[in-house]
Protein backbone atom coordinates (compact mmCIF):
# COMPACT_ATOMS: atom_id res chain seq x y z
CA MET A 1 -31.68 -93.62 -187.50
CA ASP A 2 -31.24 -93.88 -191.17
CA VAL A 3 -29.66 -96.35 -193.52
CA LYS A 4 -26.40 -94.31 -193.95
CA THR A 5 -25.75 -94.15 -189.96
CA VAL A 6 -26.39 -97.92 -189.64
CA CYS A 7 -23.77 -98.33 -192.66
CA LEU A 8 -21.14 -96.02 -190.65
CA GLY A 9 -21.79 -98.14 -186.98
CA MET A 10 -21.32 -101.47 -189.23
CA LEU A 11 -18.17 -99.61 -190.72
CA THR A 12 -16.80 -99.15 -187.21
CA ASP A 13 -16.36 -103.17 -187.47
CA GLY A 14 -14.22 -103.01 -190.15
CA ASP A 15 -14.11 -102.46 -194.10
CA ALA A 16 -16.66 -103.91 -195.49
CA SER A 17 -18.52 -104.18 -199.39
CA GLY A 18 -22.22 -103.26 -200.10
CA TYR A 19 -22.86 -107.36 -200.48
CA ASP A 20 -21.24 -107.95 -197.11
CA MET A 21 -23.24 -104.99 -195.20
CA LYS A 22 -26.12 -106.48 -196.92
CA LYS A 23 -25.50 -109.84 -195.20
CA CYS A 24 -25.19 -108.19 -192.08
CA PHE A 25 -28.37 -106.75 -192.24
CA GLU A 26 -29.70 -109.88 -192.75
CA SER A 27 -27.83 -111.61 -190.25
CA SER A 28 -28.32 -109.00 -187.42
CA PHE A 29 -30.06 -105.82 -187.96
CA GLY A 30 -32.97 -107.39 -190.52
CA HIS A 31 -35.01 -108.71 -187.34
CA PHE A 32 -35.26 -104.86 -186.32
CA PHE A 33 -34.21 -102.65 -189.24
CA PRO A 34 -34.62 -104.53 -192.51
CA ALA A 35 -32.74 -102.75 -195.74
CA GLY A 36 -31.70 -104.36 -199.03
CA TYR A 37 -29.48 -103.38 -201.91
CA GLY A 38 -31.72 -100.79 -203.12
CA SER A 39 -31.25 -98.54 -199.47
CA ILE A 40 -28.13 -99.77 -198.74
CA TYR A 41 -25.84 -99.16 -202.10
CA PRO A 42 -27.30 -95.50 -202.50
CA ALA A 43 -26.86 -94.87 -198.58
CA LEU A 44 -23.15 -95.64 -199.06
CA ALA A 45 -22.76 -93.64 -202.47
CA THR A 46 -24.29 -90.25 -200.33
CA LEU A 47 -21.66 -91.67 -197.81
CA ALA A 48 -18.75 -91.27 -200.12
CA ARG A 49 -20.16 -88.39 -201.44
CA ASN A 50 -20.12 -86.66 -198.34
CA ASP A 51 -16.49 -87.99 -197.81
CA LEU A 52 -18.25 -90.10 -195.02
CA VAL A 53 -16.95 -93.49 -196.29
CA GLU A 54 -13.70 -94.11 -198.69
CA PHE A 55 -13.63 -97.04 -200.76
CA GLU A 56 -11.30 -99.23 -202.47
CA LEU A 57 -11.79 -101.04 -205.69
CA VAL A 58 -10.85 -104.52 -205.72
CA PRO A 59 -10.50 -106.33 -208.75
CA GLN A 60 -12.44 -109.71 -209.48
CA ASP A 61 -12.01 -112.28 -212.25
CA GLY A 62 -15.10 -112.28 -214.44
CA LYS A 63 -16.99 -109.13 -212.23
CA PRO A 64 -17.21 -105.71 -211.58
CA ASP A 65 -15.14 -104.41 -209.33
CA ARG A 66 -15.64 -104.66 -206.14
CA LYS A 67 -16.04 -101.45 -203.87
CA VAL A 68 -14.43 -101.74 -200.38
CA TYR A 69 -16.02 -99.18 -197.92
CA GLN A 70 -14.47 -97.50 -194.83
CA ILE A 71 -15.34 -95.00 -192.54
CA THR A 72 -13.24 -91.56 -192.40
CA GLY A 73 -12.25 -89.72 -189.44
CA LYS A 74 -15.54 -87.12 -190.58
CA GLY A 75 -17.73 -90.69 -191.00
CA ARG A 76 -17.34 -91.21 -187.20
CA GLU A 77 -17.77 -87.76 -186.23
CA ALA A 78 -21.24 -87.69 -188.27
CA LEU A 79 -21.95 -91.58 -186.76
CA ASN A 80 -21.44 -89.58 -182.86
CA ASP A 81 -24.05 -87.23 -184.04
CA GLY A 82 -26.45 -89.73 -185.06
CA LEU A 83 -25.95 -91.25 -181.73
CA LEU A 84 -26.96 -88.74 -179.46
CA ASN A 85 -30.58 -88.66 -180.33
CA PRO A 86 -32.24 -89.50 -177.04
CA HIS A 87 -35.43 -90.78 -178.24
CA PRO A 88 -34.78 -93.00 -181.29
CA THR A 89 -38.22 -94.14 -182.72
CA HIS A 90 -39.64 -97.34 -182.37
CA LYS A 91 -41.33 -98.07 -186.22
CA ILE A 92 -42.70 -101.71 -186.28
CA ARG A 93 -45.23 -103.38 -188.58
CA SER A 94 -46.72 -105.02 -185.89
CA GLU A 95 -48.86 -108.22 -186.57
CA PHE A 96 -49.75 -108.56 -182.90
CA LEU A 97 -51.63 -105.23 -183.27
CA ALA A 98 -53.02 -105.83 -186.49
CA THR A 99 -54.49 -109.34 -184.58
CA LEU A 100 -55.86 -107.31 -181.78
CA TRP A 101 -57.52 -104.60 -184.17
CA PHE A 102 -59.57 -107.86 -184.81
CA ALA A 103 -59.90 -109.20 -181.37
CA HIS A 104 -63.93 -108.59 -181.71
CA LEU A 105 -64.07 -111.54 -184.26
CA MET A 106 -61.92 -113.55 -182.05
CA THR A 107 -63.29 -115.63 -178.64
CA GLY A 108 -62.04 -114.20 -174.96
CA GLU A 109 -60.03 -117.09 -174.76
CA GLN A 110 -58.04 -116.45 -178.36
CA VAL A 111 -57.38 -113.01 -177.38
CA ASN A 112 -56.06 -113.55 -173.52
CA THR A 113 -53.74 -116.39 -175.45
CA VAL A 114 -52.64 -113.23 -177.81
CA VAL A 115 -51.94 -111.21 -174.99
CA ARG A 116 -49.89 -113.33 -172.48
CA ASN A 117 -48.06 -114.66 -175.62
CA LYS A 118 -47.09 -111.24 -176.00
CA ILE A 119 -46.42 -110.55 -172.41
CA GLU A 120 -43.66 -113.51 -172.48
CA GLU A 121 -42.07 -112.22 -175.59
CA LEU A 122 -41.61 -108.95 -173.77
CA ASN A 123 -40.64 -110.03 -170.63
CA GLU A 124 -37.76 -112.10 -172.56
CA PHE A 125 -36.69 -109.22 -174.42
CA LEU A 126 -36.08 -107.34 -171.19
CA HIS A 127 -34.31 -110.26 -169.72
CA MET A 128 -31.94 -109.62 -172.47
CA ILE A 129 -31.59 -106.19 -172.30
CA GLU A 130 -30.85 -106.69 -168.45
CA GLU A 131 -28.17 -109.28 -169.48
CA PHE A 132 -26.87 -106.59 -172.12
CA SER A 133 -26.88 -104.10 -169.03
CA ALA A 134 -24.78 -106.27 -167.10
CA ILE A 135 -21.76 -106.95 -169.79
CA ASP A 136 -19.00 -104.80 -168.80
CA CYS A 137 -17.93 -103.24 -171.87
CA GLN A 138 -14.80 -101.65 -171.02
């Protein structure tokens, strides 16, 4: 999934500016899918060029007009297509794996502590996923 698809998904929650979307990335997606202005604004420009989003210019005092984007029907179709991937990649920068790379420089107890902590973290994550699965979204 790319930034364009995530932006389309965000717009299903309501109209938003690039600034609003950046704040959403920071507060929500940033934990697992970071994106900055340098990727959000080009993504929105491409989406607009391809008629997947529309925007309205909203005047602001002493500032350039604000573009407020909304997803189009064609954008919803593109989003649905983007969500069809049954094997999304899971790319991460892992301090855990980097630490284990140097396990030969650590004591056995240090390695065991790092691994135990990761197992505990993954169990908490699994519990969170199970809670989400139990929510009735209909």
